[in-house]
């Protein structure tokens, strides 16, 4: 492929460096969660399942992971567990395309732990994607104005 094509693809790619999971990983985590008893082991296996779900390529899995995490957000865990839940919720909303909600959640995670590298990285990805989408929107608007202006100019030339 020509170098210019790679540059265009790179410009419009998501830049998403988050890991992806597949159905096999999710099924394995579901089995593990079903086999665990109650207590810490159960909550750890549920967190692994939620992690797998929000990192899925399937929208339904991501939504299920978000619902699980939102349900566990009010739990009795300490600040580190809350930070992890907020971060995973942010990942889920990033994957679901809800960038404003993702940014709010990642900011909440960073309030708990300002040096949380994964959250810092996700925040940068969100801000880059928001800026990219803004630039694309401006480009589309400019193109639309150009088309309308060309049409008006063509009509004026025809009338003369």
C-alpha atoms as a PDB file:
ATOM      1  CA  UNK A   1       0.000   0.000   0.000  1.00  0.00           C
ATOM      2  CA  UNK A   2       1.169   3.522  -0.668  1.00  0.00           C
ATOM      3  CA  UNK A   3       2.523   5.507   2.261  1.00  0.00           C
ATOM      4  CA  UNK A   4      -0.196   8.137   1.941  1.00  0.00           C
ATOM      5  CA  UNK A   5      -2.864   5.453   2.397  1.00  0.00           C
ATOM      6  CA  UNK A   6      -1.212   4.254   5.623  1.00  0.00           C
ATOM      7  CA  UNK A   7      -1.098   7.849   6.849  1.00  0.00           C
ATOM      8  CA  UNK A   8      -4.829   8.273   6.215  1.00  0.00           C
ATOM      9  CA  UNK A   9      -5.659   4.973   7.935  1.00  0.00           C
ATOM     10  CA  UNK A  10      -3.501   5.964  10.912  1.00  0.00           C
ATOM     11  CA  UNK A  11      -5.240   9.354  11.112  1.00  0.00           C
ATOM     12  CA  UNK A  12      -8.713   7.844  11.254  1.00  0.00           C
ATOM     13  CA  UNK A  13      -7.973   4.721  13.300  1.00  0.00           C
ATOM     14  CA  UNK A  14      -9.076   4.697  16.931  1.00  0.00           C
ATOM     15  CA  UNK A  15      -5.580   4.457  18.383  1.00  0.00           C
ATOM     16  CA  UNK A  16      -7.162   2.034  20.828  1.00  0.00           C
ATOM     17  CA  UNK A  17      -4.411   0.241  22.718  1.00  0.00           C
ATOM     18  CA  UNK A  18      -6.826  -1.488  25.094  1.00  0.00           C
ATOM     19  CA  UNK A  19      -6.771  -5.284  25.006  1.00  0.00           C
ATOM     20  CA  UNK A  20      -9.600  -7.218  23.397  1.00  0.00           C
ATOM     21  CA  UNK A  21     -11.192 -10.423  24.653  1.00  0.00           C
ATOM     22  CA  UNK A  22     -13.078 -13.058  22.748  1.00  0.00           C
ATOM     23  CA  UNK A  23     -15.981 -15.366  23.532  1.00  0.00           C
ATOM     24  CA  UNK A  24     -13.697 -18.140  24.852  1.00  0.00           C
ATOM     25  CA  UNK A  25     -12.208 -15.886  27.524  1.00  0.00           C
ATOM     26  CA  UNK A  26     -15.656 -14.691  28.563  1.00  0.00           C
ATOM     27  CA  UNK A  27     -17.017 -18.246  28.788  1.00  0.00           C
ATOM     28  CA  UNK A  28     -14.014 -19.267  30.889  1.00  0.00           C
ATOM     29  CA  UNK A  29     -14.585 -16.329  33.271  1.00  0.00           C
ATOM     30  CA  UNK A  30     -18.301 -17.141  33.478  1.00  0.00           C
ATOM     31  CA  UNK A  31     -17.496 -20.743  34.407  1.00  0.00           C
ATOM     32  CA  UNK A  32     -15.025 -19.593  37.033  1.00  0.00           C
ATOM     33  CA  UNK A  33     -17.539 -17.169  38.554  1.00  0.00           C
ATOM     34  CA  UNK A  34     -20.242 -19.843  38.616  1.00  0.00           C
ATOM     35  CA  UNK A  35     -17.935 -22.322  40.381  1.00  0.00           C
ATOM     36  CA  UNK A  36     -16.687 -19.902  43.042  1.00  0.00           C
ATOM     37  CA  UNK A  37     -18.372 -19.749  46.425  1.00  0.00           C
ATOM     38  CA  UNK A  38     -19.327 -16.536  48.147  1.00  0.00           C
ATOM     39  CA  UNK A  39     -16.822 -14.049  49.573  1.00  0.00           C
ATOM     40  CA  UNK A  40     -13.598 -12.583  48.198  1.00  0.00           C
ATOM     41  CA  UNK A  41     -13.004 -15.382  45.696  1.00  0.00           C
ATOM     42  CA  UNK A  42     -16.438 -14.780  44.187  1.00  0.00           C
ATOM     43  CA  UNK A  43     -15.927 -11.005  43.949  1.00  0.00           C
ATOM     44  CA  UNK A  44     -12.511 -11.509  42.299  1.00  0.00           C
ATOM     45  CA  UNK A  45     -13.949 -13.883  39.707  1.00  0.00           C
ATOM     46  CA  UNK A  46     -16.824 -11.452  39.076  1.00  0.00           C
ATOM     47  CA  UNK A  47     -14.283  -8.646  38.542  1.00  0.00           C
ATOM     48  CA  UNK A  48     -12.364 -10.843  36.066  1.00  0.00           C
ATOM     49  CA  UNK A  49     -15.635 -11.531  34.230  1.00  0.00           C
ATOM     50  CA  UNK A  50     -16.497  -7.822  34.173  1.00  0.00           C
ATOM     51  CA  UNK A  51     -12.984  -7.086  32.860  1.00  0.00           C
ATOM     52  CA  UNK A  52     -13.448  -9.645  30.076  1.00  0.00           C
ATOM     53  CA  UNK A  53     -16.883  -8.296  29.177  1.00  0.00           C
ATOM     54  CA  UNK A  54     -15.905  -4.619  28.861  1.00  0.00           C
ATOM     55  CA  UNK A  55     -12.906  -5.629  26.736  1.00  0.00           C
ATOM     56  CA  UNK A  56     -15.086  -7.624  24.334  1.00  0.00           C
ATOM     57  CA  UNK A  57     -15.648  -6.727  20.695  1.00  0.00           C
ATOM     58  CA  UNK A  58     -19.341  -7.564  21.122  1.00  0.00           C
ATOM     59  CA  UNK A  59     -21.545  -4.621  22.120  1.00  0.00           C
ATOM     60  CA  UNK A  60     -23.903  -6.847  24.117  1.00  0.00           C
ATOM     61  CA  UNK A  61     -20.983  -8.153  26.198  1.00  0.00           C
ATOM     62  CA  UNK A  62     -19.733  -4.614  26.850  1.00  0.00           C
ATOM     63  CA  UNK A  63     -23.212  -3.521  27.965  1.00  0.00           C
ATOM     64  CA  UNK A  64     -23.484  -6.545  30.265  1.00  0.00           C
ATOM     65  CA  UNK A  65     -20.093  -5.719  31.778  1.00  0.00           C
ATOM     66  CA  UNK A  66     -21.159  -2.107  32.346  1.00  0.00           C
ATOM     67  CA  UNK A  67     -24.334  -3.279  34.105  1.00  0.00           C
ATOM     68  CA  UNK A  68     -22.346  -5.670  36.337  1.00  0.00           C
ATOM     69  CA  UNK A  69     -19.866  -2.958  37.286  1.00  0.00           C
ATOM     70  CA  UNK A  70     -22.542  -0.360  37.969  1.00  0.00           C
ATOM     71  CA  UNK A  71     -24.281  -2.855  40.264  1.00  0.00           C
ATOM     72  CA  UNK A  72     -21.046  -3.469  42.171  1.00  0.00           C
ATOM     73  CA  UNK A  73     -20.092   0.211  42.416  1.00  0.00           C
ATOM     74  CA  UNK A  74     -22.068   0.722  45.622  1.00  0.00           C
ATOM     75  CA  UNK A  75     -20.421  -2.274  47.324  1.00  0.00           C
ATOM     76  CA  UNK A  76     -18.310  -2.314  50.457  1.00  0.00           C
ATOM     77  CA  UNK A  77     -14.925  -2.340  48.737  1.00  0.00           C
ATOM     78  CA  UNK A  78     -12.136   0.049  49.582  1.00  0.00           C
ATOM     79  CA  UNK A  79     -10.741   2.869  47.463  1.00  0.00           C
ATOM     80  CA  UNK A  80      -8.603   0.547  45.319  1.00  0.00           C
ATOM     81  CA  UNK A  81     -11.581  -1.615  44.407  1.00  0.00           C
ATOM     82  CA  UNK A  82     -13.646   1.509  43.656  1.00  0.00           C
ATOM     83  CA  UNK A  83     -10.798   2.818  41.480  1.00  0.00           C
ATOM     84  CA  UNK A  84     -10.734  -0.472  39.528  1.00  0.00           C
ATOM     85  CA  UNK A  85     -14.499  -0.483  39.060  1.00  0.00           C
ATOM     86  CA  UNK A  86     -14.496   3.138  37.875  1.00  0.00           C
ATOM     87  CA  UNK A  87     -11.666   2.394  35.456  1.00  0.00           C
ATOM     88  CA  UNK A  88     -13.396  -0.692  34.035  1.00  0.00           C
ATOM     89  CA  UNK A  89     -16.638   1.266  33.709  1.00  0.00           C
ATOM     90  CA  UNK A  90     -14.693   3.928  31.818  1.00  0.00           C
ATOM     91  CA  UNK A  91     -13.292   1.239  29.488  1.00  0.00           C
ATOM     92  CA  UNK A  92     -16.807  -0.082  28.900  1.00  0.00           C
ATOM     93  CA  UNK A  93     -18.154   3.361  28.064  1.00  0.00           C
ATOM     94  CA  UNK A  94     -15.140   4.004  25.813  1.00  0.00           C
ATOM     95  CA  UNK A  95     -15.883   0.800  23.908  1.00  0.00           C
ATOM     96  CA  UNK A  96     -19.588   1.709  23.799  1.00  0.00           C
ATOM     97  CA  UNK A  97     -18.687   5.112  22.311  1.00  0.00           C
ATOM     98  CA  UNK A  98     -19.927   7.189  25.261  1.00  0.00           C
ATOM     99  CA  UNK A  99     -16.828   9.376  25.491  1.00  0.00           C
ATOM    100  CA  UNK A 100     -18.188  12.061  27.857  1.00  0.00           C
ATOM    101  CA  UNK A 101     -19.258   9.411  30.399  1.00  0.00           C
ATOM    102  CA  UNK A 102     -15.913   7.639  29.956  1.00  0.00           C
ATOM    103  CA  UNK A 103     -14.025  10.845  30.661  1.00  0.00           C
ATOM    104  CA  UNK A 104     -16.047  11.533  33.833  1.00  0.00           C
ATOM    105  CA  UNK A 105     -15.433   8.003  35.133  1.00  0.00           C
ATOM    106  CA  UNK A 106     -11.711   8.063  34.394  1.00  0.00           C
ATOM    107  CA  UNK A 107     -11.466  11.432  36.150  1.00  0.00           C
ATOM    108  CA  UNK A 108     -13.154   9.895  39.212  1.00  0.00           C
ATOM    109  CA  UNK A 109     -10.665   7.009  39.158  1.00  0.00           C
ATOM    110  CA  UNK A 110      -7.803   9.506  38.947  1.00  0.00           C
ATOM    111  CA  UNK A 111      -9.176  11.430  41.931  1.00  0.00           C
ATOM    112  CA  UNK A 112      -8.710   8.257  43.972  1.00  0.00           C
ATOM    113  CA  UNK A 113      -5.285   7.447  42.522  1.00  0.00           C
ATOM    114  CA  UNK A 114      -3.702  10.256  40.449  1.00  0.00           C
ATOM    115  CA  UNK A 115      -0.763   8.022  39.465  1.00  0.00           C
ATOM    116  CA  UNK A 116      -2.980   5.223  38.050  1.00  0.00           C
ATOM    117  CA  UNK A 117      -1.135   4.722  34.741  1.00  0.00           C
ATOM    118  CA  UNK A 118      -3.901   2.809  32.969  1.00  0.00           C
ATOM    119  CA  UNK A 119      -6.401   5.557  33.762  1.00  0.00           C
ATOM    120  CA  UNK A 120      -3.959   8.264  32.647  1.00  0.00           C
ATOM    121  CA  UNK A 121      -3.467   6.387  29.370  1.00  0.00           C
ATOM    122  CA  UNK A 122      -7.229   5.931  28.877  1.00  0.00           C
ATOM    123  CA  UNK A 123      -7.832   9.625  29.567  1.00  0.00           C
ATOM    124  CA  UNK A 124      -5.330  10.544  26.848  1.00  0.00           C
ATOM    125  CA  UNK A 125      -7.009   8.121  24.408  1.00  0.00           C
ATOM    126  CA  UNK A 126     -10.417   9.664  25.175  1.00  0.00           C
ATOM    127  CA  UNK A 127      -9.169  13.218  24.741  1.00  0.00           C
ATOM    128  CA  UNK A 128      -7.414  12.294  21.482  1.00  0.00           C
ATOM    129  CA  UNK A 129     -10.554  10.606  20.165  1.00  0.00           C
ATOM    130  CA  UNK A 130     -12.753  13.563  21.130  1.00  0.00           C
ATOM    131  CA  UNK A 131     -10.334  15.935  19.358  1.00  0.00           C
ATOM    132  CA  UNK A 132     -10.210  13.625  16.322  1.00  0.00           C
ATOM    133  CA  UNK A 133     -13.996  13.421  16.108  1.00  0.00           C
ATOM    134  CA  UNK A 134     -14.199  17.213  16.418  1.00  0.00           C
ATOM    135  CA  UNK A 135     -11.733  17.642  13.566  1.00  0.00           C
ATOM    136  CA  UNK A 136     -13.648  15.176  11.406  1.00  0.00           C
ATOM    137  CA  UNK A 137     -16.887  17.041  12.161  1.00  0.00           C
ATOM    138  CA  UNK A 138     -15.306  20.352  11.186  1.00  0.00           C
ATOM    139  CA  UNK A 139     -13.991  18.769   7.972  1.00  0.00           C
ATOM    140  CA  UNK A 140     -17.429  17.404   7.074  1.00  0.00           C
ATOM    141  CA  UNK A 141     -19.043  20.768   7.774  1.00  0.00           C
ATOM    142  CA  UNK A 142     -16.440  22.555   5.642  1.00  0.00           C
ATOM    143  CA  UNK A 143     -16.991  20.097   2.803  1.00  0.00           C
ATOM    144  CA  UNK A 144     -20.762  20.633   2.992  1.00  0.00           C
ATOM    145  CA  UNK A 145     -20.297  24.413   2.877  1.00  0.00           C
ATOM    146  CA  UNK A 146     -17.979  23.985  -0.118  1.00  0.00           C
ATOM    147  CA  UNK A 147     -20.538  21.883  -1.978  1.00  0.00           C
ATOM    148  CA  UNK A 148     -23.316  24.378  -1.306  1.00  0.00           C
ATOM    149  CA  UNK A 149     -21.075  27.288  -2.358  1.00  0.00           C
ATOM    150  CA  UNK A 150     -20.145  25.449  -5.567  1.00  0.00           C
ATOM    151  CA  UNK A 151     -23.816  24.847  -6.323  1.00  0.00           C
ATOM    152  CA  UNK A 152     -24.691  28.498  -5.758  1.00  0.00           C
ATOM    153  CA  UNK A 153     -21.758  29.598  -7.933  1.00  0.00           C
ATOM    154  CA  UNK A 154     -22.832  27.213 -10.713  1.00  0.00           C
ATOM    155  CA  UNK A 155     -26.381  28.594 -10.599  1.00  0.00           C
ATOM    156  CA  UNK A 156     -25.121  32.180 -10.762  1.00  0.00           C
ATOM    157  CA  UNK A 157     -22.876  31.371 -13.734  1.00  0.00           C
ATOM    158  CA  UNK A 158     -25.787  29.690 -15.549  1.00  0.00           C
ATOM    159  CA  UNK A 159     -28.015  32.731 -15.071  1.00  0.00           C
ATOM    160  CA  UNK A 160     -25.462  35.033 -16.701  1.00  0.00           C
END
